[in-house]
Amino acid sequence: MTDLRFDEKGLMPAVIQDNVTNEILMVAWVNEEAFELMKSTGYTHFWSRSRQKLWKKGEESGHVQEIVSIQTDCDADTLLVRVRQTGPACHTGSPSCFYETLYGSLDETMDIIPELGRILKDRLDNPREGSYTCVLYSDENKMYKKVVEEAGEFVLALKDKDEDAAAWELADLIYHVMVAVKKSGLPMEKVYEKLAERKK
């Protein structure tokens, strides 16, 4: 295993990422003891620079992070930790600590995927009158037919080499697939496992 390079204070940053959505949840500091605790317990542990002590994420809130994988960068001085997050990662109640946009726009990024996923879950748990998503949830035949319909329309748009139409239809397809996946409860981890088998 690569020898990790802690700084002069015995610390290194750890980037914490959601294992399903790839959403960056938070950044914290890790010393060697915290790193060993992560490996031995399977949950994130950090070093608090302000309190000068070790802490387990979620030890008070219950919003623990179960570790799926730990990687290091090419310099071995930063960790990337993918986790199954329980509850919100941020102390503010936000799903991620990175919720403020200082420059540019998130419109052309994958930020919409986890955001839309949370909205779809909320519609499933708390149905709203007039919500198209709730209409689909209440009529499984319609929900499944829309997936097939949107897939066909996406392929036809590609065949016609119509980029705008293809983008629109793919967005429709992704949305309707996400609705069906959320309703069925299919774990995306299972899907990723099957995708991994295609790395040939």
N, C-alpha and C. Protein backbone atom coordinates (compact mmCIF):
# COMPACT_ATOMS: atom_id res chain seq x y z
N MET A 1 0.84 -1.19 0.00
CA MET A 1 0.00 0.00 0.00
C MET A 1 0.88 1.25 0.00
N THR A 2 0.46 2.29 -0.70
CA THR A 2 1.19 3.55 -0.76
C THR A 2 1.31 4.17 0.63
N ASP A 3 2.50 4.68 0.95
CA ASP A 3 2.69 5.39 2.21
C ASP A 3 2.06 6.77 2.10
N LEU A 4 1.17 7.08 3.01
CA LEU A 4 0.51 8.38 2.99
C LEU A 4 1.45 9.46 3.50
N ARG A 5 1.28 10.67 2.94
CA ARG A 5 2.14 11.79 3.29
C ARG A 5 1.33 12.83 4.06
N PHE A 6 1.41 12.75 5.38
CA PHE A 6 0.74 13.75 6.23
C PHE A 6 1.61 15.01 6.28
N ASP A 7 0.97 16.17 6.53
CA ASP A 7 1.72 17.42 6.57
C ASP A 7 2.52 17.54 7.86
N GLU A 8 3.17 18.71 8.06
CA GLU A 8 4.04 18.90 9.23
C GLU A 8 3.28 18.81 10.54
N LYS A 9 1.94 18.97 10.49
CA LYS A 9 1.12 18.83 11.69
C LYS A 9 0.53 17.43 11.82
N GLY A 10 0.91 16.55 10.91
CA GLY A 10 0.41 15.18 10.96
C GLY A 10 -0.98 15.02 10.39
N LEU A 11 -1.39 15.95 9.51
CA LEU A 11 -2.74 15.95 8.98
C LEU A 11 -2.75 15.88 7.45
N MET A 12 -3.90 15.47 6.91
CA MET A 12 -4.15 15.57 5.48
C MET A 12 -5.65 15.76 5.27
N PRO A 13 -6.03 16.46 4.18
CA PRO A 13 -7.46 16.65 3.91
C PRO A 13 -8.10 15.38 3.38
N ALA A 14 -9.37 15.19 3.73
CA ALA A 14 -10.16 14.07 3.21
C ALA A 14 -11.41 14.64 2.56
N VAL A 15 -11.59 14.34 1.30
CA VAL A 15 -12.78 14.74 0.57
C VAL A 15 -13.79 13.61 0.70
N ILE A 16 -14.99 13.93 1.19
CA ILE A 16 -16.01 12.91 1.43
C ILE A 16 -17.06 13.01 0.33
N GLN A 17 -17.31 11.88 -0.33
CA GLN A 17 -18.17 11.85 -1.51
C GLN A 17 -19.25 10.79 -1.34
N ASP A 18 -20.47 11.11 -1.78
CA ASP A 18 -21.56 10.14 -1.75
C ASP A 18 -21.29 9.02 -2.75
N ASN A 19 -21.41 7.78 -2.30
CA ASN A 19 -21.04 6.65 -3.17
C ASN A 19 -22.03 6.41 -4.30
N VAL A 20 -23.26 6.90 -4.19
CA VAL A 20 -24.26 6.68 -5.24
C VAL A 20 -24.28 7.84 -6.23
N THR A 21 -24.28 9.08 -5.72
CA THR A 21 -24.45 10.24 -6.60
C THR A 21 -23.13 10.90 -6.99
N ASN A 22 -22.03 10.55 -6.32
CA ASN A 22 -20.74 11.22 -6.49
C ASN A 22 -20.75 12.66 -6.01
N GLU A 23 -21.80 13.07 -5.29
CA GLU A 23 -21.88 14.41 -4.74
C GLU A 23 -20.82 14.59 -3.66
N ILE A 24 -20.07 15.72 -3.73
CA ILE A 24 -19.12 16.03 -2.68
C ILE A 24 -19.90 16.48 -1.45
N LEU A 25 -19.71 15.80 -0.34
CA LEU A 25 -20.48 16.08 0.86
C LEU A 25 -19.77 17.05 1.80
N MET A 26 -18.47 16.87 1.97
CA MET A 26 -17.73 17.69 2.93
C MET A 26 -16.23 17.45 2.75
N VAL A 27 -15.45 18.28 3.41
CA VAL A 27 -14.00 18.10 3.49
C VAL A 27 -13.62 18.22 4.96
N ALA A 28 -12.77 17.32 5.42
CA ALA A 28 -12.34 17.36 6.82
C ALA A 28 -10.88 16.93 6.89
N TRP A 29 -10.31 17.01 8.09
CA TRP A 29 -8.90 16.66 8.29
C TRP A 29 -8.76 15.31 8.96
N VAL A 30 -7.75 14.59 8.54
CA VAL A 30 -7.49 13.24 9.05
C VAL A 30 -6.04 13.15 9.50
N ASN A 31 -5.82 12.58 10.68
CA ASN A 31 -4.45 12.22 11.07
C ASN A 31 -4.32 10.70 10.97
N GLU A 32 -3.17 10.18 11.31
CA GLU A 32 -2.92 8.75 11.14
C GLU A 32 -3.88 7.91 11.99
N GLU A 33 -4.16 8.38 13.19
CA GLU A 33 -5.06 7.62 14.08
C GLU A 33 -6.48 7.60 13.51
N ALA A 34 -6.94 8.74 12.99
CA ALA A 34 -8.27 8.79 12.38
C ALA A 34 -8.35 7.87 11.18
N PHE A 35 -7.28 7.85 10.39
CA PHE A 35 -7.24 6.97 9.22
C PHE A 35 -7.33 5.51 9.63
N GLU A 36 -6.60 5.13 10.66
CA GLU A 36 -6.63 3.74 11.14
C GLU A 36 -8.02 3.40 11.69
N LEU A 37 -8.66 4.36 12.36
CA LEU A 37 -10.01 4.13 12.87
C LEU A 37 -11.00 3.93 11.74
N MET A 38 -10.83 4.70 10.66
CA MET A 38 -11.72 4.53 9.50
C MET A 38 -11.60 3.12 8.96
N LYS A 39 -10.37 2.62 8.85
CA LYS A 39 -10.17 1.27 8.30
C LYS A 39 -10.68 0.18 9.26
N SER A 40 -10.52 0.40 10.54
CA SER A 40 -10.91 -0.65 11.50
C SER A 40 -12.40 -0.66 11.81
N THR A 41 -13.06 0.51 11.73
CA THR A 41 -14.49 0.58 12.08
C THR A 41 -15.40 0.62 10.86
N GLY A 42 -14.89 1.10 9.72
CA GLY A 42 -15.73 1.24 8.52
C GLY A 42 -16.56 2.51 8.51
N TYR A 43 -16.26 3.44 9.43
CA TYR A 43 -16.97 4.72 9.49
C TYR A 43 -15.95 5.86 9.54
N THR A 44 -16.35 7.03 9.02
CA THR A 44 -15.41 8.15 8.97
C THR A 44 -15.10 8.69 10.36
N HIS A 45 -13.82 8.96 10.56
CA HIS A 45 -13.31 9.63 11.76
C HIS A 45 -12.37 10.74 11.30
N PHE A 46 -12.36 11.84 12.03
CA PHE A 46 -11.56 12.98 11.63
C PHE A 46 -10.83 13.57 12.84
N TRP A 47 -9.91 14.51 12.51
CA TRP A 47 -9.24 15.26 13.56
C TRP A 47 -9.77 16.69 13.53
N SER A 48 -10.30 17.14 14.65
CA SER A 48 -10.80 18.51 14.76
C SER A 48 -9.65 19.43 15.13
N ARG A 49 -9.33 20.37 14.24
CA ARG A 49 -8.24 21.32 14.53
C ARG A 49 -8.67 22.33 15.59
N SER A 50 -9.96 22.67 15.62
CA SER A 50 -10.43 23.66 16.60
C SER A 50 -10.53 23.06 18.00
N ARG A 51 -10.96 21.80 18.08
CA ARG A 51 -11.12 21.16 19.39
C ARG A 51 -9.93 20.31 19.79
N GLN A 52 -9.03 20.11 18.81
CA GLN A 52 -7.81 19.31 19.04
C GLN A 52 -8.14 17.92 19.58
N LYS A 53 -9.07 17.25 18.86
CA LYS A 53 -9.40 15.88 19.27
C LYS A 53 -10.00 15.12 18.10
N LEU A 54 -9.98 13.80 18.23
CA LEU A 54 -10.60 12.93 17.24
C LEU A 54 -12.11 12.99 17.37
N TRP A 55 -12.81 12.85 16.24
CA TRP A 55 -14.27 12.76 16.30
C TRP A 55 -14.78 11.85 15.19
N LYS A 56 -15.85 11.17 15.52
CA LYS A 56 -16.52 10.32 14.54
C LYS A 56 -17.67 11.12 13.94
N LYS A 57 -17.75 11.17 12.62
CA LYS A 57 -18.84 11.90 11.97
C LYS A 57 -20.18 11.28 12.38
N GLY A 58 -21.09 12.12 12.88
CA GLY A 58 -22.41 11.65 13.27
C GLY A 58 -22.50 11.10 14.68
N GLU A 59 -21.43 11.24 15.46
CA GLU A 59 -21.47 10.67 16.82
C GLU A 59 -22.53 11.34 17.68
N GLU A 60 -22.88 12.59 17.38
CA GLU A 60 -23.93 13.27 18.14
C GLU A 60 -25.24 13.34 17.35
N SER A 61 -25.15 13.62 16.06
CA SER A 61 -26.36 13.79 15.24
C SER A 61 -26.95 12.47 14.76
N GLY A 62 -26.13 11.42 14.72
CA GLY A 62 -26.58 10.15 14.16
C GLY A 62 -26.39 10.09 12.65
N HIS A 63 -25.88 11.17 12.05
CA HIS A 63 -25.69 11.23 10.61
C HIS A 63 -24.32 10.66 10.23
N VAL A 64 -24.19 9.36 10.46
CA VAL A 64 -22.90 8.70 10.27
C VAL A 64 -22.62 8.47 8.79
N GLN A 65 -21.34 8.19 8.51
CA GLN A 65 -20.90 7.91 7.15
C GLN A 65 -20.24 6.54 7.11
N GLU A 66 -20.93 5.58 6.49
CA GLU A 66 -20.37 4.24 6.33
C GLU A 66 -19.46 4.24 5.11
N ILE A 67 -18.23 3.83 5.28
CA ILE A 67 -17.23 3.92 4.23
C ILE A 67 -17.40 2.79 3.20
N VAL A 68 -17.42 3.18 1.93
CA VAL A 68 -17.46 2.23 0.82
C VAL A 68 -16.06 2.03 0.25
N SER A 69 -15.31 3.11 0.12
CA SER A 69 -13.94 3.02 -0.39
C SER A 69 -13.13 4.22 0.06
N ILE A 70 -11.80 4.02 0.11
CA ILE A 70 -10.86 5.10 0.39
C ILE A 70 -9.78 5.07 -0.68
N GLN A 71 -9.56 6.22 -1.30
CA GLN A 71 -8.50 6.35 -2.30
C GLN A 71 -7.60 7.50 -1.91
N THR A 72 -6.40 7.53 -2.48
CA THR A 72 -5.52 8.67 -2.31
C THR A 72 -5.17 9.24 -3.67
N ASP A 73 -4.68 10.48 -3.68
CA ASP A 73 -4.31 11.09 -4.95
C ASP A 73 -2.88 10.69 -5.34
N CYS A 74 -2.39 11.24 -6.47
CA CYS A 74 -1.09 10.85 -6.99
C CYS A 74 0.06 11.23 -6.07
N ASP A 75 -0.14 12.25 -5.21
CA ASP A 75 0.90 12.66 -4.27
C ASP A 75 0.75 11.98 -2.91
N ALA A 76 -0.31 11.20 -2.75
CA ALA A 76 -0.59 10.49 -1.49
C ALA A 76 -0.71 11.43 -0.30
N ASP A 77 -1.22 12.66 -0.57
CA ASP A 77 -1.38 13.61 0.54
C ASP A 77 -2.82 14.11 0.69
N THR A 78 -3.75 13.46 0.00
CA THR A 78 -5.18 13.78 0.11
C THR A 78 -5.96 12.48 -0.03
N LEU A 79 -7.04 12.35 0.76
CA LEU A 79 -7.89 11.16 0.68
C LEU A 79 -9.20 11.50 -0.01
N LEU A 80 -9.71 10.54 -0.76
CA LEU A 80 -11.06 10.59 -1.31
C LEU A 80 -11.81 9.42 -0.69
N VAL A 81 -12.85 9.73 0.09
CA VAL A 81 -13.58 8.71 0.83
C VAL A 81 -15.02 8.68 0.34
N ARG A 82 -15.43 7.57 -0.26
CA ARG A 82 -16.82 7.41 -0.70
C ARG A 82 -17.61 6.73 0.41
N VAL A 83 -18.79 7.29 0.70
CA VAL A 83 -19.54 6.84 1.87
C VAL A 83 -21.02 6.67 1.56
N ARG A 84 -21.67 5.88 2.39
CA ARG A 84 -23.13 5.85 2.47
C ARG A 84 -23.51 6.81 3.59
N GLN A 85 -24.09 7.92 3.21
CA GLN A 85 -24.41 8.97 4.18
C GLN A 85 -25.78 8.72 4.81
N THR A 86 -25.83 8.78 6.14
CA THR A 86 -27.11 8.74 6.85
C THR A 86 -27.51 10.17 7.17
N GLY A 87 -28.68 10.60 6.68
CA GLY A 87 -29.13 11.97 6.93
C GLY A 87 -28.25 12.97 6.20
N PRO A 88 -28.42 14.27 6.52
CA PRO A 88 -27.61 15.30 5.86
C PRO A 88 -26.17 15.26 6.34
N ALA A 89 -25.25 15.63 5.45
CA ALA A 89 -23.83 15.65 5.82
C ALA A 89 -23.46 16.94 6.54
N CYS A 90 -24.15 18.04 6.21
CA CYS A 90 -23.79 19.35 6.75
C CYS A 90 -24.52 19.64 8.06
N HIS A 91 -23.84 20.32 8.97
CA HIS A 91 -24.45 20.67 10.25
C HIS A 91 -25.63 21.64 10.08
N THR A 92 -25.72 22.29 8.90
CA THR A 92 -26.84 23.21 8.64
C THR A 92 -28.11 22.47 8.26
N GLY A 93 -27.99 21.16 8.01
CA GLY A 93 -29.14 20.39 7.55
C GLY A 93 -29.15 20.20 6.05
N SER A 94 -28.20 20.81 5.36
CA SER A 94 -28.09 20.64 3.92
C SER A 94 -27.49 19.26 3.62
N PRO A 95 -27.89 18.64 2.50
CA PRO A 95 -27.32 17.34 2.16
C PRO A 95 -25.80 17.39 2.00
N SER A 96 -25.28 18.53 1.52
CA SER A 96 -23.85 18.71 1.31
C SER A 96 -23.42 20.03 1.91
N CYS A 97 -22.17 20.10 2.35
CA CYS A 97 -21.64 21.36 2.85
C CYS A 97 -21.43 22.36 1.72
N PHE A 98 -21.39 21.88 0.48
CA PHE A 98 -21.14 22.75 -0.67
C PHE A 98 -22.46 23.14 -1.32
N TYR A 99 -23.18 24.04 -0.68
CA TYR A 99 -24.50 24.42 -1.18
C TYR A 99 -24.55 25.87 -1.68
N GLU A 100 -23.47 26.62 -1.50
CA GLU A 100 -23.46 28.02 -1.94
C GLU A 100 -22.65 28.17 -3.22
N THR A 101 -23.26 28.71 -4.26
CA THR A 101 -22.57 28.93 -5.53
C THR A 101 -22.01 30.35 -5.55
N LEU A 102 -20.69 30.47 -5.64
CA LEU A 102 -20.03 31.76 -5.61
C LEU A 102 -19.78 32.32 -7.01
N TYR A 103 -19.72 31.44 -7.99
CA TYR A 103 -19.41 31.88 -9.35
C TYR A 103 -20.03 30.89 -10.33
N GLY A 104 -20.52 31.39 -11.44
CA GLY A 104 -21.04 30.52 -12.48
C GLY A 104 -22.39 29.93 -12.13
N SER A 105 -22.71 28.85 -12.83
CA SER A 105 -24.01 28.21 -12.68
C SER A 105 -23.85 26.69 -12.63
N LEU A 106 -24.76 26.05 -11.93
CA LEU A 106 -24.76 24.58 -11.86
C LEU A 106 -25.61 23.95 -12.96
N ASP A 107 -26.21 24.78 -13.81
CA ASP A 107 -27.17 24.28 -14.79
C ASP A 107 -26.59 23.26 -15.77
N GLU A 108 -25.29 23.35 -16.04
CA GLU A 108 -24.67 22.43 -16.99
C GLU A 108 -23.84 21.36 -16.29
N THR A 109 -24.19 21.07 -15.05
CA THR A 109 -23.43 20.08 -14.28
C THR A 109 -24.35 18.94 -13.83
N MET A 110 -23.74 17.90 -13.27
CA MET A 110 -24.51 16.76 -12.76
C MET A 110 -25.17 17.04 -11.42
N ASP A 111 -25.06 18.27 -10.93
CA ASP A 111 -25.69 18.63 -9.66
C ASP A 111 -27.18 18.33 -9.66
N ILE A 112 -27.79 18.37 -10.84
CA ILE A 112 -29.24 18.15 -10.94
C ILE A 112 -29.62 16.72 -10.56
N ILE A 113 -28.73 15.76 -10.76
CA ILE A 113 -29.09 14.35 -10.52
C ILE A 113 -29.40 14.09 -9.04
N PRO A 114 -28.49 14.38 -8.10
CA PRO A 114 -28.85 14.16 -6.70
C PRO A 114 -30.00 15.05 -6.23
N GLU A 115 -30.04 16.30 -6.76
CA GLU A 115 -31.12 17.21 -6.37
C GLU A 115 -32.47 16.66 -6.81
N LEU A 116 -32.54 16.21 -8.07
CA LEU A 116 -33.78 15.63 -8.58
C LEU A 116 -34.13 14.35 -7.82
N GLY A 117 -33.12 13.55 -7.49
CA GLY A 117 -33.36 12.33 -6.73
C GLY A 117 -34.01 12.61 -5.39
N ARG A 118 -33.57 13.67 -4.72
CA ARG A 118 -34.17 14.03 -3.42
C ARG A 118 -35.61 14.50 -3.60
N ILE A 119 -35.87 15.25 -4.69
CA ILE A 119 -37.24 15.70 -4.95
C ILE A 119 -38.14 14.51 -5.23
N LEU A 120 -37.67 13.55 -6.02
CA LEU A 120 -38.47 12.36 -6.34
C LEU A 120 -38.78 11.56 -5.08
N LYS A 121 -37.80 11.45 -4.18
CA LYS A 121 -38.05 10.73 -2.93
C LYS A 121 -39.08 11.47 -2.08
N ASP A 122 -38.98 12.80 -2.06
CA ASP A 122 -39.95 13.59 -1.29
C ASP A 122 -41.36 13.42 -1.86
N ARG A 123 -41.49 13.39 -3.18
CA ARG A 123 -42.81 13.20 -3.80
C ARG A 123 -43.36 11.81 -3.47
N LEU A 124 -42.48 10.83 -3.34
CA LEU A 124 -42.91 9.47 -2.99
C LEU A 124 -43.36 9.42 -1.53
N ASP A 125 -42.60 10.08 -0.66
CA ASP A 125 -42.91 10.06 0.77
C ASP A 125 -44.03 11.04 1.14
N ASN A 126 -44.13 12.15 0.39
CA ASN A 126 -45.10 13.19 0.69
C ASN A 126 -45.81 13.62 -0.60
N PRO A 127 -46.77 12.80 -1.07
CA PRO A 127 -47.44 13.11 -2.35
C PRO A 127 -48.07 14.50 -2.35
N ARG A 128 -47.98 15.15 -3.53
CA ARG A 128 -48.55 16.49 -3.70
C ARG A 128 -49.57 16.47 -4.82
N GLU A 129 -50.71 17.07 -4.57
CA GLU A 129 -51.73 17.16 -5.60
C GLU A 129 -51.22 18.03 -6.75
N GLY A 130 -51.45 17.56 -7.97
CA GLY A 130 -51.02 18.30 -9.14
C GLY A 130 -49.60 18.00 -9.59
N SER A 131 -48.89 17.16 -8.85
CA SER A 131 -47.52 16.80 -9.21
C SER A 131 -47.53 15.71 -10.27
N TYR A 132 -46.86 15.95 -11.40
CA TYR A 132 -46.77 14.94 -12.47
C TYR A 132 -46.05 13.69 -11.96
N THR A 133 -45.03 13.89 -11.14
CA THR A 133 -44.31 12.75 -10.57
C THR A 133 -45.26 11.88 -9.75
N CYS A 134 -46.12 12.50 -8.97
CA CYS A 134 -47.07 11.73 -8.15
C CYS A 134 -48.10 11.01 -9.02
N VAL A 135 -48.46 11.61 -10.15
CA VAL A 135 -49.36 10.93 -11.10
C VAL A 135 -48.70 9.65 -11.59
N LEU A 136 -47.42 9.72 -11.91
CA LEU A 136 -46.70 8.53 -12.37
C LEU A 136 -46.60 7.48 -11.25
N TYR A 137 -46.31 7.94 -10.05
CA TYR A 137 -46.21 7.00 -8.92
C TYR A 137 -47.52 6.27 -8.69
N SER A 138 -48.64 6.92 -8.96
CA SER A 138 -49.95 6.32 -8.67
C SER A 138 -50.45 5.42 -9.80
N ASP A 139 -49.75 5.44 -10.95
CA ASP A 139 -50.17 4.64 -12.10
C ASP A 139 -48.94 3.97 -12.70
N GLU A 140 -48.62 2.77 -12.19
CA GLU A 140 -47.38 2.12 -12.61
C GLU A 140 -47.36 1.80 -14.09
N ASN A 141 -48.50 1.44 -14.67
CA ASN A 141 -48.53 1.16 -16.11
C ASN A 141 -48.10 2.40 -16.90
N LYS A 142 -48.64 3.54 -16.53
CA LYS A 142 -48.27 4.79 -17.19
C LYS A 142 -46.78 5.08 -16.98
N MET A 143 -46.32 4.86 -15.76
CA MET A 143 -44.92 5.13 -15.41
C MET A 143 -43.97 4.31 -16.28
N TYR A 144 -44.26 3.00 -16.41
CA TYR A 144 -43.38 2.13 -17.20
C TYR A 144 -43.50 2.41 -18.69
N LYS A 145 -44.69 2.69 -19.16
CA LYS A 145 -44.88 3.01 -20.58
C LYS A 145 -44.11 4.26 -20.97
N LYS A 146 -44.04 5.24 -20.06
CA LYS A 146 -43.33 6.48 -20.36
C LYS A 146 -41.83 6.23 -20.56
N VAL A 147 -41.28 5.28 -19.82
CA VAL A 147 -39.86 4.95 -19.99
C VAL A 147 -39.62 4.43 -21.42
N VAL A 148 -40.48 3.50 -21.86
CA VAL A 148 -40.34 2.94 -23.20
C VAL A 148 -40.56 4.02 -24.26
N GLU A 149 -41.58 4.83 -24.06
CA GLU A 149 -41.89 5.90 -25.01
C GLU A 149 -40.73 6.88 -25.15
N GLU A 150 -40.18 7.31 -24.02
CA GLU A 150 -39.10 8.29 -24.05
C GLU A 150 -37.82 7.70 -24.64
N ALA A 151 -37.58 6.42 -24.41
CA ALA A 151 -36.41 5.76 -25.02
C ALA A 151 -36.52 5.78 -26.53
N GLY A 152 -37.71 5.49 -27.04
CA GLY A 152 -37.93 5.50 -28.48
C GLY A 152 -37.74 6.88 -29.07
N GLU A 153 -38.27 7.89 -28.41
CA GLU A 153 -38.16 9.27 -28.90
C GLU A 153 -36.71 9.75 -28.88
N PHE A 154 -35.95 9.31 -27.87
CA PHE A 154 -34.53 9.67 -27.79
C PHE A 154 -33.76 9.08 -28.98
N VAL A 155 -34.00 7.81 -29.26
CA VAL A 155 -33.29 7.14 -30.36
C VAL A 155 -33.63 7.81 -31.70
N LEU A 156 -34.90 8.15 -31.90
CA LEU A 156 -35.30 8.79 -33.15
C LEU A 156 -34.64 10.17 -33.30
N ALA A 157 -34.52 10.90 -32.20
CA ALA A 157 -33.86 12.21 -32.25
C ALA A 157 -32.38 12.05 -32.60
N LEU A 158 -31.74 11.01 -32.05
CA LEU A 158 -30.35 10.74 -32.40
C LEU A 158 -30.22 10.40 -33.89
N LYS A 159 -31.14 9.56 -34.36
CA LYS A 159 -31.12 9.15 -35.76
C LYS A 159 -31.28 10.36 -36.68
N ASP A 160 -32.08 11.33 -36.25
CA ASP A 160 -32.30 12.53 -37.04
C ASP A 160 -31.17 13.55 -36.89
N LYS A 161 -30.18 13.20 -36.02
CA LYS A 161 -29.05 14.10 -35.76
C LYS A 161 -29.51 15.50 -35.30
N ASP A 162 -30.57 15.49 -34.48
CA ASP A 162 -31.12 16.74 -33.93
C ASP A 162 -30.64 16.85 -32.49
N GLU A 163 -29.58 17.63 -32.29
CA GLU A 163 -28.94 17.70 -30.97
C GLU A 163 -29.86 18.24 -29.89
N ASP A 164 -30.60 19.31 -30.19
CA ASP A 164 -31.50 19.89 -29.19
C ASP A 164 -32.61 18.90 -28.82
N ALA A 165 -33.18 18.26 -29.82
CA ALA A 165 -34.24 17.28 -29.56
C ALA A 165 -33.70 16.09 -28.79
N ALA A 166 -32.49 15.64 -29.15
CA ALA A 166 -31.89 14.49 -28.46
C ALA A 166 -31.63 14.82 -26.99
N ALA A 167 -31.14 16.03 -26.72
CA ALA A 167 -30.89 16.44 -25.34
C ALA A 167 -32.20 16.49 -24.55
N TRP A 168 -33.25 17.04 -25.18
CA TRP A 168 -34.56 17.11 -24.53
C TRP A 168 -35.10 15.72 -24.22
N GLU A 169 -35.02 14.82 -25.22
CA GLU A 169 -35.57 13.48 -25.04
C GLU A 169 -34.75 12.66 -24.06
N LEU A 170 -33.43 12.86 -24.04
CA LEU A 170 -32.62 12.14 -23.06
C LEU A 170 -32.93 12.63 -21.65
N ALA A 171 -33.15 13.94 -21.50
CA ALA A 171 -33.55 14.46 -20.19
C ALA A 171 -34.87 13.84 -19.75
N ASP A 172 -35.83 13.73 -20.70
CA ASP A 172 -37.10 13.07 -20.40
C ASP A 172 -36.90 11.62 -19.99
N LEU A 173 -36.02 10.93 -20.73
CA LEU A 173 -35.76 9.51 -20.44
C LEU A 173 -35.13 9.35 -19.06
N ILE A 174 -34.13 10.16 -18.78
CA ILE A 174 -33.46 10.07 -17.47
C ILE A 174 -34.45 10.33 -16.34
N TYR A 175 -35.27 11.36 -16.49
CA TYR A 175 -36.27 11.68 -15.46
C TYR A 175 -37.21 10.49 -15.24
N HIS A 176 -37.77 9.93 -16.33
CA HIS A 176 -38.74 8.85 -16.18
C HIS A 176 -38.10 7.57 -15.64
N VAL A 177 -36.84 7.32 -16.03
CA VAL A 177 -36.12 6.17 -15.46
C VAL A 177 -35.90 6.39 -13.97
N MET A 178 -35.51 7.62 -13.58
CA MET A 178 -35.30 7.91 -12.16
C MET A 178 -36.58 7.73 -11.36
N VAL A 179 -37.71 8.13 -11.93
CA VAL A 179 -39.00 7.95 -11.25
C VAL A 179 -39.26 6.46 -11.03
N ALA A 180 -39.06 5.66 -12.08
CA ALA A 180 -39.31 4.21 -11.98
C ALA A 180 -38.37 3.55 -10.98
N VAL A 181 -37.10 3.98 -10.99
CA VAL A 181 -36.12 3.41 -10.06
C VAL A 181 -36.48 3.77 -8.63
N LYS A 182 -36.86 5.03 -8.41
CA LYS A 182 -37.22 5.47 -7.05
C LYS A 182 -38.45 4.71 -6.54
N LYS A 183 -39.44 4.56 -7.41
CA LYS A 183 -40.67 3.85 -7.03
C LYS A 183 -40.40 2.39 -6.73
N SER A 184 -39.54 1.76 -7.53
CA SER A 184 -39.27 0.33 -7.35
C SER A 184 -38.35 0.04 -6.18
N GLY A 185 -37.56 1.04 -5.79
CA GLY A 185 -36.60 0.83 -4.71
C GLY A 185 -35.33 0.13 -5.16
N LEU A 186 -35.11 0.05 -6.46
CA LEU A 186 -33.90 -0.59 -6.98
C LEU A 186 -32.67 0.16 -6.50
N PRO A 187 -31.76 -0.52 -5.77
CA PRO A 187 -30.57 0.18 -5.27
C PRO A 187 -29.58 0.44 -6.41
N MET A 188 -29.13 1.68 -6.54
CA MET A 188 -28.20 2.01 -7.61
C MET A 188 -26.86 1.31 -7.44
N GLU A 189 -26.50 0.93 -6.20
CA GLU A 189 -25.27 0.17 -5.99
C GLU A 189 -25.28 -1.11 -6.81
N LYS A 190 -26.47 -1.75 -6.90
CA LYS A 190 -26.61 -2.98 -7.70
C LYS A 190 -26.36 -2.69 -9.17
N VAL A 191 -26.88 -1.55 -9.63
CA VAL A 191 -26.70 -1.15 -11.03
C VAL A 191 -25.23 -0.91 -11.31
N TYR A 192 -24.54 -0.23 -10.40
CA TYR A 192 -23.11 0.05 -10.58
C TYR A 192 -22.30 -1.24 -10.63
N GLU A 193 -22.69 -2.22 -9.79
CA GLU A 193 -22.01 -3.51 -9.81
C GLU A 193 -22.13 -4.17 -11.18
N LYS A 194 -23.33 -4.11 -11.76
CA LYS A 194 -23.55 -4.70 -13.07
C LYS A 194 -22.79 -3.94 -14.16
N LEU A 195 -22.73 -2.60 -14.03
CA LEU A 195 -21.95 -1.81 -14.99
C LEU A 195 -20.48 -2.15 -14.91
N ALA A 196 -20.00 -2.40 -13.67
CA ALA A 196 -18.58 -2.73 -13.49
C ALA A 196 -18.21 -4.02 -14.23
N GLU A 197 -19.17 -4.93 -14.37
CA GLU A 197 -18.90 -6.18 -15.08
C GLU A 197 -18.69 -5.95 -16.57
N ARG A 198 -19.05 -4.75 -17.06
CA ARG A 198 -18.93 -4.45 -18.48
C ARG A 198 -17.61 -3.78 -18.81
N LYS A 199 -16.71 -3.68 -17.85
CA LYS A 199 -15.40 -3.09 -18.10
C LYS A 199 -14.48 -4.12 -18.73
N LYS A 200 -14.77 -4.46 -19.97
CA LYS A 200 -13.99 -5.51 -20.66
C LYS A 200 -13.49 -4.98 -21.99
